[in-house]
Amino acid sequence: MHGACRRTVDCVPQATESSRAVESPREAAVDLLTQLISLSRRSRSFSTAVAHQCGLQPSQVNLLFSLYRASECRVAALAEQQLVDPSVASRQIAGLEKEGLLSRRPDPEDGRASLVSLTDAGLARLKQVRELHMGAMAQAVAGWPAERIHHLAQDLEELIGNAEHAYQSLAAPVDDAGTSRAGASSSGDQPAKDLSGDQPAHELMKELS
């Protein structure tokens, strides 16, 4: 009898990490955060692979997307958008200009500055980047019904908006005492700058067709 009882206990299926019941919304949020971190890491490697396939560095792709958005832009403004030193932006621009992906002309309002814009070849390269991303994503969701894909996109859009609001206090300015001044916008503080270098790519991916 003792042995039978012991065998019964041993035969009870053990809960696995993937099958265990979620105990609380907070625990579910931890699981979600874990997957988002994993996705973020892989997304960077995906973007790097696509950029290299197109003969570019990820930073160059972002710069080209910024120019696509602005049509024409000063070097200093591009450097600010990319959060890099103007000398770094100048080197990137020189390399892309050498490849014929962008062009420069004197700024009529400031003879010391120049205006940078995409060439037809640069636009074609961006479309190549888009097509590689879209092809890989289509393969990733192959077999999914369109409704499931649409719902996932909607859920992610809502999550991103909620996360931006939730994390806003963490990006608030810090005073001399080391105290975060969240919600200090009424005192004239500027909101935290978006540090996502991939932001232009995300916003414009659907426009390049």
N, C-alpha and C. Protein backbone atom coordinates (compact mmCIF):
# COMPACT_ATOMS: atom_id res chain seq x y z
N MET A 1 0.84 -1.20 0.00
CA MET A 1 0.00 0.00 0.00
C MET A 1 0.86 1.24 0.00
N HIS A 2 1.88 1.17 0.83
CA HIS A 2 2.78 2.32 0.91
C HIS A 2 3.45 2.56 -0.42
N GLY A 3 3.87 1.43 -1.06
CA GLY A 3 4.53 1.56 -2.35
C GLY A 3 3.58 2.10 -3.40
N ALA A 4 2.29 1.65 -3.35
CA ALA A 4 1.32 2.12 -4.33
C ALA A 4 1.09 3.61 -4.20
N CYS A 5 0.99 4.07 -2.93
CA CYS A 5 0.78 5.50 -2.70
C CYS A 5 1.97 6.29 -3.22
N ARG A 6 3.15 5.77 -2.97
CA ARG A 6 4.35 6.48 -3.41
C ARG A 6 4.39 6.57 -4.93
N ARG A 7 3.99 5.48 -5.59
CA ARG A 7 4.00 5.47 -7.05
C ARG A 7 3.00 6.48 -7.59
N THR A 8 1.83 6.57 -6.94
CA THR A 8 0.82 7.52 -7.38
C THR A 8 1.34 8.94 -7.31
N VAL A 9 2.03 9.27 -6.22
CA VAL A 9 2.58 10.61 -6.07
C VAL A 9 3.62 10.88 -7.13
N ASP A 10 4.48 9.88 -7.38
CA ASP A 10 5.54 10.06 -8.36
C ASP A 10 4.99 10.26 -9.76
N CYS A 11 3.78 9.72 -10.01
CA CYS A 11 3.22 9.79 -11.35
C CYS A 11 2.46 11.09 -11.61
N VAL A 12 2.28 11.91 -10.57
CA VAL A 12 1.58 13.18 -10.77
C VAL A 12 2.41 14.07 -11.67
N PRO A 13 1.85 14.59 -12.77
CA PRO A 13 2.62 15.45 -13.66
C PRO A 13 3.13 16.67 -12.92
N GLN A 14 4.38 17.01 -13.14
CA GLN A 14 4.97 18.18 -12.51
C GLN A 14 4.74 19.40 -13.39
N ALA A 15 4.39 20.51 -12.76
CA ALA A 15 4.15 21.75 -13.51
C ALA A 15 5.46 22.26 -14.08
N THR A 16 5.45 22.60 -15.33
CA THR A 16 6.64 23.17 -15.97
C THR A 16 6.54 24.67 -15.96
N GLU A 17 7.65 25.32 -16.32
CA GLU A 17 7.68 26.79 -16.34
C GLU A 17 6.66 27.34 -17.32
N SER A 18 6.45 26.60 -18.44
CA SER A 18 5.54 27.11 -19.46
C SER A 18 4.09 26.79 -19.17
N SER A 19 3.84 25.74 -18.32
CA SER A 19 2.46 25.31 -18.11
C SER A 19 1.91 25.72 -16.75
N ARG A 20 2.75 26.22 -15.86
CA ARG A 20 2.27 26.55 -14.52
C ARG A 20 1.26 27.69 -14.59
N ALA A 21 0.30 27.65 -13.68
CA ALA A 21 -0.73 28.67 -13.66
C ALA A 21 -0.13 29.99 -13.20
N VAL A 22 -0.57 31.07 -13.82
CA VAL A 22 -0.12 32.40 -13.43
C VAL A 22 -0.84 32.79 -12.15
N GLU A 23 -0.08 33.19 -11.15
CA GLU A 23 -0.66 33.47 -9.85
C GLU A 23 -1.21 34.88 -9.75
N SER A 24 -0.66 35.82 -10.48
CA SER A 24 -1.09 37.20 -10.34
C SER A 24 -0.73 37.99 -11.60
N PRO A 25 -1.41 39.14 -11.81
CA PRO A 25 -1.04 40.00 -12.95
C PRO A 25 0.41 40.44 -12.89
N ARG A 26 0.95 40.63 -11.68
CA ARG A 26 2.34 41.05 -11.55
C ARG A 26 3.29 39.96 -12.06
N GLU A 27 2.97 38.70 -11.72
CA GLU A 27 3.79 37.60 -12.20
C GLU A 27 3.70 37.49 -13.72
N ALA A 28 2.50 37.70 -14.26
CA ALA A 28 2.34 37.68 -15.71
C ALA A 28 3.14 38.80 -16.36
N ALA A 29 3.19 39.96 -15.69
CA ALA A 29 3.95 41.09 -16.22
C ALA A 29 5.44 40.77 -16.25
N VAL A 30 5.92 40.03 -15.26
CA VAL A 30 7.33 39.63 -15.24
C VAL A 30 7.63 38.72 -16.43
N ASP A 31 6.72 37.77 -16.69
CA ASP A 31 6.90 36.89 -17.84
C ASP A 31 6.92 37.69 -19.14
N LEU A 32 6.01 38.67 -19.23
CA LEU A 32 5.95 39.51 -20.43
C LEU A 32 7.24 40.31 -20.60
N LEU A 33 7.72 40.89 -19.50
CA LEU A 33 8.95 41.68 -19.57
C LEU A 33 10.13 40.83 -20.02
N THR A 34 10.18 39.60 -19.53
CA THR A 34 11.26 38.69 -19.94
C THR A 34 11.25 38.46 -21.45
N GLN A 35 10.05 38.25 -21.99
CA GLN A 35 9.95 38.02 -23.43
C GLN A 35 10.26 39.29 -24.23
N LEU A 36 9.86 40.45 -23.70
CA LEU A 36 10.14 41.71 -24.39
C LEU A 36 11.64 42.00 -24.43
N ILE A 37 12.33 41.70 -23.33
CA ILE A 37 13.78 41.89 -23.30
C ILE A 37 14.44 40.97 -24.32
N SER A 38 13.97 39.73 -24.37
CA SER A 38 14.51 38.78 -25.35
C SER A 38 14.24 39.27 -26.78
N LEU A 39 13.03 39.79 -27.01
CA LEU A 39 12.69 40.30 -28.34
C LEU A 39 13.55 41.50 -28.69
N SER A 40 13.79 42.38 -27.72
CA SER A 40 14.60 43.57 -27.97
C SER A 40 16.02 43.18 -28.38
N ARG A 41 16.60 42.22 -27.67
CA ARG A 41 17.95 41.78 -28.00
C ARG A 41 18.00 41.17 -29.40
N ARG A 42 17.02 40.35 -29.70
CA ARG A 42 17.00 39.72 -31.01
C ARG A 42 16.71 40.73 -32.11
N SER A 43 15.87 41.71 -31.79
CA SER A 43 15.54 42.74 -32.78
C SER A 43 16.78 43.50 -33.22
N ARG A 44 17.67 43.77 -32.28
CA ARG A 44 18.92 44.46 -32.63
C ARG A 44 19.76 43.59 -33.57
N SER A 45 19.83 42.31 -33.27
CA SER A 45 20.62 41.43 -34.13
C SER A 45 19.95 41.27 -35.49
N PHE A 46 18.60 41.26 -35.52
CA PHE A 46 17.89 41.18 -36.79
C PHE A 46 18.19 42.41 -37.63
N SER A 47 18.11 43.60 -37.01
CA SER A 47 18.36 44.85 -37.73
C SER A 47 19.79 44.92 -38.25
N THR A 48 20.72 44.42 -37.44
CA THR A 48 22.12 44.41 -37.87
C THR A 48 22.31 43.49 -39.07
N ALA A 49 21.67 42.32 -39.02
CA ALA A 49 21.79 41.36 -40.13
C ALA A 49 21.23 41.95 -41.42
N VAL A 50 20.07 42.61 -41.32
CA VAL A 50 19.46 43.21 -42.51
C VAL A 50 20.34 44.33 -43.05
N ALA A 51 20.84 45.18 -42.15
CA ALA A 51 21.70 46.28 -42.59
C ALA A 51 22.94 45.75 -43.32
N HIS A 52 23.58 44.74 -42.74
CA HIS A 52 24.78 44.18 -43.37
C HIS A 52 24.44 43.54 -44.72
N GLN A 53 23.27 42.91 -44.82
CA GLN A 53 22.85 42.31 -46.08
C GLN A 53 22.71 43.38 -47.17
N CYS A 54 22.38 44.60 -46.74
CA CYS A 54 22.22 45.72 -47.68
C CYS A 54 23.50 46.55 -47.81
N GLY A 55 24.60 46.07 -47.24
CA GLY A 55 25.87 46.77 -47.34
C GLY A 55 25.97 47.99 -46.46
N LEU A 56 25.23 48.00 -45.35
CA LEU A 56 25.20 49.16 -44.47
C LEU A 56 25.43 48.75 -43.03
N GLN A 57 25.72 49.75 -42.18
CA GLN A 57 25.72 49.58 -40.74
C GLN A 57 24.36 50.04 -40.21
N PRO A 58 23.91 49.52 -39.07
CA PRO A 58 22.62 49.96 -38.52
C PRO A 58 22.53 51.47 -38.35
N SER A 59 23.61 52.11 -37.92
CA SER A 59 23.60 53.57 -37.75
C SER A 59 23.39 54.27 -39.08
N GLN A 60 23.91 53.70 -40.16
CA GLN A 60 23.71 54.29 -41.48
C GLN A 60 22.26 54.15 -41.94
N VAL A 61 21.66 53.02 -41.62
CA VAL A 61 20.25 52.83 -41.95
C VAL A 61 19.40 53.87 -41.24
N ASN A 62 19.68 54.10 -39.95
CA ASN A 62 18.92 55.09 -39.19
C ASN A 62 19.10 56.48 -39.77
N LEU A 63 20.31 56.80 -40.20
CA LEU A 63 20.58 58.11 -40.78
C LEU A 63 19.80 58.28 -42.09
N LEU A 64 19.77 57.24 -42.90
CA LEU A 64 19.02 57.31 -44.16
C LEU A 64 17.53 57.46 -43.90
N PHE A 65 17.02 56.76 -42.88
CA PHE A 65 15.61 56.91 -42.53
C PHE A 65 15.32 58.34 -42.06
N SER A 66 16.23 58.93 -41.30
CA SER A 66 16.05 60.31 -40.85
C SER A 66 15.98 61.26 -42.03
N LEU A 67 16.82 61.03 -43.02
CA LEU A 67 16.80 61.88 -44.22
C LEU A 67 15.52 61.65 -45.02
N TYR A 68 15.03 60.42 -45.04
CA TYR A 68 13.77 60.15 -45.73
C TYR A 68 12.65 60.96 -45.10
N ARG A 69 12.67 61.04 -43.79
CA ARG A 69 11.64 61.80 -43.07
C ARG A 69 11.79 63.30 -43.32
N ALA A 70 13.01 63.80 -43.29
CA ALA A 70 13.24 65.24 -43.35
C ALA A 70 13.33 65.78 -44.77
N SER A 71 13.53 64.91 -45.74
CA SER A 71 13.75 65.29 -47.14
C SER A 71 15.11 65.93 -47.34
N GLU A 72 15.40 66.96 -46.57
CA GLU A 72 16.69 67.65 -46.65
C GLU A 72 17.02 68.19 -45.28
N CYS A 73 18.28 68.09 -44.88
CA CYS A 73 18.62 68.42 -43.50
C CYS A 73 20.08 68.84 -43.39
N ARG A 74 20.36 69.72 -42.43
CA ARG A 74 21.74 70.10 -42.15
C ARG A 74 22.44 68.97 -41.39
N VAL A 75 23.75 68.94 -41.52
CA VAL A 75 24.55 67.91 -40.84
C VAL A 75 24.35 68.01 -39.33
N ALA A 76 24.35 69.24 -38.79
CA ALA A 76 24.20 69.42 -37.35
C ALA A 76 22.87 68.88 -36.86
N ALA A 77 21.81 69.09 -37.65
CA ALA A 77 20.49 68.60 -37.25
C ALA A 77 20.46 67.07 -37.29
N LEU A 78 21.10 66.48 -38.29
CA LEU A 78 21.17 65.02 -38.36
C LEU A 78 21.91 64.44 -37.16
N ALA A 79 23.01 65.10 -36.79
CA ALA A 79 23.79 64.64 -35.64
C ALA A 79 22.94 64.68 -34.38
N GLU A 80 22.14 65.73 -34.24
CA GLU A 80 21.28 65.84 -33.05
C GLU A 80 20.22 64.74 -33.05
N GLN A 81 19.64 64.46 -34.20
CA GLN A 81 18.63 63.41 -34.28
C GLN A 81 19.21 62.04 -33.95
N GLN A 82 20.45 61.81 -34.38
CA GLN A 82 21.10 60.52 -34.16
C GLN A 82 21.80 60.44 -32.81
N LEU A 83 21.81 61.56 -32.07
CA LEU A 83 22.45 61.62 -30.76
C LEU A 83 23.93 61.27 -30.85
N VAL A 84 24.59 61.84 -31.86
CA VAL A 84 26.03 61.64 -32.03
C VAL A 84 26.70 62.98 -32.23
N ASP A 85 28.02 63.00 -32.09
CA ASP A 85 28.79 64.22 -32.32
C ASP A 85 28.73 64.57 -33.82
N PRO A 86 28.69 65.87 -34.14
CA PRO A 86 28.65 66.27 -35.55
C PRO A 86 29.78 65.67 -36.39
N SER A 87 30.95 65.47 -35.78
CA SER A 87 32.06 64.88 -36.52
C SER A 87 31.75 63.44 -36.91
N VAL A 88 31.05 62.72 -36.03
CA VAL A 88 30.66 61.34 -36.33
C VAL A 88 29.64 61.33 -37.48
N ALA A 89 28.66 62.23 -37.39
CA ALA A 89 27.66 62.32 -38.45
C ALA A 89 28.31 62.69 -39.78
N SER A 90 29.29 63.57 -39.73
CA SER A 90 29.98 63.98 -40.97
C SER A 90 30.68 62.80 -41.62
N ARG A 91 31.31 61.94 -40.81
CA ARG A 91 31.98 60.76 -41.37
C ARG A 91 30.97 59.79 -41.98
N GLN A 92 29.85 59.61 -41.29
CA GLN A 92 28.82 58.73 -41.82
C GLN A 92 28.28 59.27 -43.15
N ILE A 93 28.04 60.57 -43.18
CA ILE A 93 27.51 61.20 -44.39
C ILE A 93 28.51 61.08 -45.54
N ALA A 94 29.79 61.28 -45.24
CA ALA A 94 30.82 61.18 -46.27
C ALA A 94 30.85 59.78 -46.88
N GLY A 95 30.72 58.76 -46.03
CA GLY A 95 30.72 57.39 -46.53
C GLY A 95 29.51 57.10 -47.40
N LEU A 96 28.34 57.57 -46.97
CA LEU A 96 27.12 57.34 -47.73
C LEU A 96 27.12 58.15 -49.03
N GLU A 97 27.71 59.34 -48.97
CA GLU A 97 27.82 60.16 -50.18
C GLU A 97 28.74 59.48 -51.20
N LYS A 98 29.81 58.88 -50.71
CA LYS A 98 30.75 58.19 -51.59
C LYS A 98 30.07 57.03 -52.31
N GLU A 99 29.12 56.39 -51.62
CA GLU A 99 28.38 55.28 -52.22
C GLU A 99 27.23 55.75 -53.09
N GLY A 100 27.01 57.06 -53.14
CA GLY A 100 25.94 57.60 -53.97
C GLY A 100 24.56 57.51 -53.36
N LEU A 101 24.49 57.29 -52.03
CA LEU A 101 23.20 57.12 -51.38
C LEU A 101 22.61 58.44 -50.90
N LEU A 102 23.42 59.47 -50.81
CA LEU A 102 22.93 60.80 -50.47
C LEU A 102 23.79 61.84 -51.17
N SER A 103 23.29 63.06 -51.17
CA SER A 103 24.01 64.16 -51.82
C SER A 103 24.00 65.38 -50.91
N ARG A 104 24.95 66.28 -51.16
CA ARG A 104 25.04 67.52 -50.39
C ARG A 104 25.06 68.72 -51.33
N ARG A 105 24.50 69.82 -50.84
CA ARG A 105 24.57 71.07 -51.58
C ARG A 105 24.73 72.20 -50.57
N PRO A 106 25.28 73.33 -50.97
CA PRO A 106 25.46 74.45 -50.04
C PRO A 106 24.11 74.95 -49.52
N ASP A 107 24.09 75.31 -48.25
CA ASP A 107 22.89 75.88 -47.65
C ASP A 107 22.77 77.34 -48.09
N PRO A 108 21.72 77.71 -48.81
CA PRO A 108 21.60 79.09 -49.28
C PRO A 108 21.47 80.11 -48.16
N GLU A 109 21.08 79.65 -46.97
CA GLU A 109 20.92 80.56 -45.84
C GLU A 109 22.17 80.65 -44.98
N ASP A 110 23.11 79.74 -45.19
CA ASP A 110 24.34 79.74 -44.41
C ASP A 110 25.44 79.09 -45.25
N GLY A 111 26.32 79.92 -45.78
CA GLY A 111 27.37 79.42 -46.65
C GLY A 111 28.33 78.45 -45.99
N ARG A 112 28.37 78.45 -44.65
CA ARG A 112 29.28 77.54 -43.94
C ARG A 112 28.69 76.15 -43.78
N ALA A 113 27.39 76.03 -44.02
CA ALA A 113 26.70 74.75 -43.82
C ALA A 113 26.31 74.14 -45.16
N SER A 114 25.94 72.87 -45.11
CA SER A 114 25.46 72.19 -46.30
C SER A 114 24.18 71.43 -45.97
N LEU A 115 23.37 71.20 -46.97
CA LEU A 115 22.13 70.45 -46.83
C LEU A 115 22.30 69.07 -47.44
N VAL A 116 21.84 68.07 -46.71
CA VAL A 116 22.00 66.68 -47.13
C VAL A 116 20.64 66.11 -47.49
N SER A 117 20.58 65.31 -48.54
CA SER A 117 19.32 64.69 -48.95
C SER A 117 19.59 63.31 -49.55
N LEU A 118 18.55 62.49 -49.57
CA LEU A 118 18.64 61.16 -50.17
C LEU A 118 18.72 61.25 -51.68
N THR A 119 19.45 60.36 -52.28
CA THR A 119 19.42 60.19 -53.73
C THR A 119 18.44 59.08 -54.07
N ASP A 120 18.18 58.90 -55.34
CA ASP A 120 17.31 57.78 -55.75
C ASP A 120 17.91 56.45 -55.32
N ALA A 121 19.24 56.36 -55.38
CA ALA A 121 19.90 55.12 -54.95
C ALA A 121 19.73 54.91 -53.45
N GLY A 122 19.75 56.00 -52.67
CA GLY A 122 19.54 55.89 -51.24
C GLY A 122 18.14 55.43 -50.91
N LEU A 123 17.15 55.96 -51.62
CA LEU A 123 15.77 55.53 -51.41
C LEU A 123 15.60 54.06 -51.79
N ALA A 124 16.24 53.66 -52.87
CA ALA A 124 16.16 52.26 -53.29
C ALA A 124 16.78 51.34 -52.24
N ARG A 125 17.86 51.79 -51.61
CA ARG A 125 18.50 50.98 -50.57
C ARG A 125 17.59 50.84 -49.35
N LEU A 126 16.89 51.92 -49.00
CA LEU A 126 15.94 51.85 -47.89
C LEU A 126 14.80 50.89 -48.20
N LYS A 127 14.34 50.90 -49.42
CA LYS A 127 13.29 49.96 -49.81
C LYS A 127 13.79 48.52 -49.73
N GLN A 128 15.06 48.32 -50.03
CA GLN A 128 15.65 46.99 -49.90
C GLN A 128 15.66 46.56 -48.44
N VAL A 129 16.00 47.49 -47.55
CA VAL A 129 15.97 47.20 -46.11
C VAL A 129 14.57 46.80 -45.69
N ARG A 130 13.59 47.57 -46.13
CA ARG A 130 12.19 47.29 -45.78
C ARG A 130 11.77 45.91 -46.28
N GLU A 131 12.09 45.60 -47.52
CA GLU A 131 11.67 44.33 -48.10
C GLU A 131 12.28 43.14 -47.36
N LEU A 132 13.53 43.27 -46.93
CA LEU A 132 14.15 42.18 -46.18
C LEU A 132 13.48 42.00 -44.83
N HIS A 133 13.17 43.12 -44.15
CA HIS A 133 12.46 43.04 -42.88
C HIS A 133 11.08 42.41 -43.07
N MET A 134 10.35 42.87 -44.07
CA MET A 134 9.00 42.38 -44.29
C MET A 134 9.02 40.90 -44.69
N GLY A 135 9.99 40.51 -45.50
CA GLY A 135 10.08 39.12 -45.89
C GLY A 135 10.36 38.20 -44.71
N ALA A 136 11.27 38.64 -43.83
CA ALA A 136 11.59 37.84 -42.65
C ALA A 136 10.39 37.76 -41.71
N MET A 137 9.69 38.88 -41.52
CA MET A 137 8.53 38.88 -40.63
C MET A 137 7.40 38.03 -41.20
N ALA A 138 7.20 38.10 -42.51
CA ALA A 138 6.17 37.27 -43.13
C ALA A 138 6.47 35.79 -42.91
N GLN A 139 7.74 35.43 -42.96
CA GLN A 139 8.13 34.05 -42.72
C GLN A 139 7.91 33.67 -41.26
N ALA A 140 8.16 34.63 -40.35
CA ALA A 140 8.01 34.36 -38.92
C ALA A 140 6.56 34.08 -38.53
N VAL A 141 5.61 34.72 -39.23
CA VAL A 141 4.20 34.54 -38.88
C VAL A 141 3.48 33.69 -39.93
N ALA A 142 4.25 32.99 -40.74
CA ALA A 142 3.64 32.13 -41.76
C ALA A 142 2.70 31.12 -41.08
N GLY A 143 1.50 31.00 -41.59
CA GLY A 143 0.54 30.08 -41.01
C GLY A 143 -0.39 30.72 -40.01
N TRP A 144 -0.06 31.94 -39.57
CA TRP A 144 -0.95 32.65 -38.65
C TRP A 144 -2.09 33.27 -39.45
N PRO A 145 -3.31 33.23 -38.93
CA PRO A 145 -4.39 33.96 -39.61
C PRO A 145 -4.16 35.46 -39.49
N ALA A 146 -4.63 36.20 -40.48
CA ALA A 146 -4.43 37.65 -40.49
C ALA A 146 -5.00 38.30 -39.24
N GLU A 147 -6.09 37.76 -38.73
CA GLU A 147 -6.72 38.34 -37.54
C GLU A 147 -5.79 38.27 -36.34
N ARG A 148 -5.09 37.15 -36.20
CA ARG A 148 -4.16 37.01 -35.07
C ARG A 148 -3.02 38.01 -35.18
N ILE A 149 -2.49 38.18 -36.39
CA ILE A 149 -1.41 39.14 -36.60
C ILE A 149 -1.88 40.55 -36.29
N HIS A 150 -3.08 40.88 -36.75
CA HIS A 150 -3.63 42.22 -36.52
C HIS A 150 -3.83 42.47 -35.03
N HIS A 151 -4.37 41.49 -34.32
CA HIS A 151 -4.59 41.65 -32.88
C HIS A 151 -3.27 41.82 -32.14
N LEU A 152 -2.25 41.06 -32.54
CA LEU A 152 -0.94 41.20 -31.90
C LEU A 152 -0.39 42.60 -32.12
N ALA A 153 -0.52 43.11 -33.34
CA ALA A 153 -0.03 44.47 -33.63
C ALA A 153 -0.77 45.50 -32.79
N GLN A 154 -2.07 45.32 -32.62
CA GLN A 154 -2.85 46.25 -31.81
C GLN A 154 -2.44 46.17 -30.34
N ASP A 155 -2.25 44.95 -29.84
CA ASP A 155 -1.84 44.79 -28.45
C ASP A 155 -0.47 45.41 -28.19
N LEU A 156 0.44 45.23 -29.13
CA LEU A 156 1.78 45.81 -28.97
C LEU A 156 1.72 47.33 -29.01
N GLU A 157 0.89 47.87 -29.89
CA GLU A 157 0.75 49.33 -29.96
C GLU A 157 0.23 49.89 -28.64
N GLU A 158 -0.76 49.22 -28.06
CA GLU A 158 -1.30 49.66 -26.78
C GLU A 158 -0.26 49.50 -25.67
N LEU A 159 0.46 48.39 -25.70
CA LEU A 159 1.49 48.15 -24.68
C LEU A 159 2.57 49.21 -24.74
N ILE A 160 3.01 49.57 -25.95
CA ILE A 160 4.06 50.58 -26.09
C ILE A 160 3.60 51.91 -25.52
N GLY A 161 2.36 52.30 -25.82
CA GLY A 161 1.83 53.55 -25.29
C GLY A 161 1.76 53.53 -23.77
N ASN A 162 1.27 52.42 -23.21
CA ASN A 162 1.18 52.32 -21.76
C ASN A 162 2.56 52.30 -21.11
N ALA A 163 3.51 51.62 -21.75
CA ALA A 163 4.86 51.53 -21.19
C ALA A 163 5.54 52.90 -21.20
N GLU A 164 5.34 53.67 -22.26
CA GLU A 164 5.94 55.00 -22.32
C GLU A 164 5.45 55.86 -21.16
N HIS A 165 4.16 55.74 -20.86
CA HIS A 165 3.60 56.50 -19.74
C HIS A 165 4.15 55.98 -18.41
N ALA A 166 4.23 54.66 -18.27
CA ALA A 166 4.68 54.07 -17.01
C ALA A 166 6.14 54.35 -16.72
N TYR A 167 6.97 54.41 -17.77
CA TYR A 167 8.40 54.62 -17.60
C TYR A 167 8.79 56.09 -17.61
N GLN A 168 7.82 56.96 -17.82
CA GLN A 168 8.12 58.38 -17.93
C GLN A 168 8.82 58.91 -16.68
N SER A 169 8.39 58.45 -15.51
CA SER A 169 8.98 58.94 -14.27
C SER A 169 10.45 58.53 -14.15
N LEU A 170 10.82 57.39 -14.74
CA LEU A 170 12.20 56.94 -14.66
C LEU A 170 13.12 57.79 -15.52
N ALA A 171 12.56 58.44 -16.54
CA ALA A 171 13.35 59.28 -17.43
C ALA A 171 13.28 60.75 -17.04
N ALA A 172 12.64 61.06 -15.91
CA ALA A 172 12.49 62.44 -15.49
C ALA A 172 13.83 63.02 -15.06
N PRO A 173 14.01 64.34 -15.19
CA PRO A 173 15.25 64.97 -14.74
C PRO A 173 15.50 64.70 -13.26
N VAL A 174 16.77 64.66 -12.88
CA VAL A 174 17.17 64.43 -11.50
C VAL A 174 17.83 65.68 -10.96
N ASP A 175 17.40 66.12 -9.77
CA ASP A 175 17.96 67.35 -9.21
C ASP A 175 19.31 67.08 -8.55
N ASP A 176 19.92 68.11 -7.97
CA ASP A 176 21.25 67.99 -7.39
C ASP A 176 21.30 67.01 -6.23
N ALA A 177 20.15 66.80 -5.59
CA ALA A 177 20.11 65.88 -4.46
C ALA A 177 19.91 64.44 -4.90
N GLY A 178 19.81 64.23 -6.22
CA GLY A 178 19.63 62.88 -6.73
C GLY A 178 18.19 62.44 -6.72
N THR A 179 17.25 63.37 -6.55
CA THR A 179 15.84 63.04 -6.50
C THR A 179 15.21 63.24 -7.86
N SER A 180 14.48 62.24 -8.32
CA SER A 180 13.80 62.35 -9.61
C SER A 180 12.70 63.37 -9.52
N ARG A 181 12.65 64.26 -10.51
CA ARG A 181 11.62 65.28 -10.52
C ARG A 181 10.57 64.93 -11.57
N ALA A 182 9.93 63.79 -11.39
CA ALA A 182 8.88 63.37 -12.32
C ALA A 182 7.73 64.35 -12.25
N GLY A 183 7.17 64.63 -13.41
CA GLY A 183 6.03 65.53 -13.43
C GLY A 183 6.43 66.96 -13.23
N ALA A 184 7.72 67.30 -13.46
CA ALA A 184 8.17 68.65 -13.22
C ALA A 184 8.00 69.53 -14.45
N SER A 185 7.19 69.08 -15.41
CA SER A 185 7.04 69.84 -16.64
C SER A 185 6.45 71.21 -16.39
N SER A 186 5.69 71.35 -15.33
CA SER A 186 5.10 72.64 -15.03
C SER A 186 6.15 73.66 -14.65
N SER A 187 7.34 73.21 -14.27
CA SER A 187 8.40 74.13 -13.88
C SER A 187 9.29 74.49 -15.05
N GLY A 188 8.93 73.99 -16.24
CA GLY A 188 9.68 74.36 -17.44
C GLY A 188 10.65 73.31 -17.91
N ASP A 189 10.74 72.17 -17.23
CA ASP A 189 11.65 71.11 -17.66
C ASP A 189 11.16 70.52 -18.97
N GLN A 190 12.09 70.16 -19.84
CA GLN A 190 11.75 69.53 -21.09
C GLN A 190 11.58 68.04 -20.88
N PRO A 191 10.68 67.39 -21.61
CA PRO A 191 10.54 65.94 -21.49
C PRO A 191 11.80 65.24 -21.93
N ALA A 192 11.99 64.04 -21.41
CA ALA A 192 13.18 63.28 -21.76
C ALA A 192 13.22 63.01 -23.25
N LYS A 193 14.40 63.07 -23.82
CA LYS A 193 14.57 62.85 -25.25
C LYS A 193 14.50 61.37 -25.57
N ASP A 194 13.83 61.05 -26.65
CA ASP A 194 13.73 59.66 -27.07
C ASP A 194 15.10 59.19 -27.54
N LEU A 195 15.62 58.16 -26.89
CA LEU A 195 16.96 57.68 -27.20
C LEU A 195 16.94 56.50 -28.17
N SER A 196 15.80 56.20 -28.73
CA SER A 196 15.72 55.05 -29.62
C SER A 196 16.20 55.41 -31.01
N GLY A 197 17.37 54.89 -31.37
CA GLY A 197 17.90 55.18 -32.69
C GLY A 197 17.09 54.53 -33.79
N ASP A 198 16.26 53.52 -33.46
CA ASP A 198 15.48 52.83 -34.48
C ASP A 198 14.11 53.47 -34.68
N GLN A 199 13.81 54.53 -33.96
CA GLN A 199 12.50 55.14 -34.04
C GLN A 199 12.09 55.49 -35.47
N PRO A 200 12.94 56.16 -36.26
CA PRO A 200 12.53 56.48 -37.62
C PRO A 200 12.17 55.25 -38.44
N ALA A 201 12.92 54.19 -38.27
CA ALA A 201 12.65 52.97 -39.03
C ALA A 201 11.29 52.41 -38.69
N HIS A 202 10.92 52.41 -37.41
CA HIS A 202 9.64 51.88 -36.99
C HIS A 202 8.50 52.70 -37.57
N GLU A 203 8.64 54.01 -37.57
CA GLU A 203 7.56 54.87 -38.02
C GLU A 203 7.40 54.85 -39.53
N LEU A 204 8.49 54.68 -40.25
CA LEU A 204 8.46 54.83 -41.70
C LEU A 204 8.43 53.51 -42.45
N MET A 205 8.52 52.40 -41.73
CA MET A 205 8.61 51.11 -42.40
C MET A 205 7.41 50.88 -43.32
N LYS A 206 6.22 51.32 -42.88
CA LYS A 206 5.02 51.10 -43.69
C LYS A 206 4.93 52.07 -44.86
N GLU A 207 5.65 53.20 -44.80
CA GLU A 207 5.54 54.21 -45.84
C GLU A 207 6.37 53.89 -47.07
N LEU A 208 7.42 53.10 -46.90
CA LEU A 208 8.31 52.79 -48.03
C LEU A 208 7.69 51.68 -48.87
N SER A 209 7.05 52.05 -49.92
CA SER A 209 6.40 51.04 -50.77
C SER A 209 6.62 51.38 -52.23
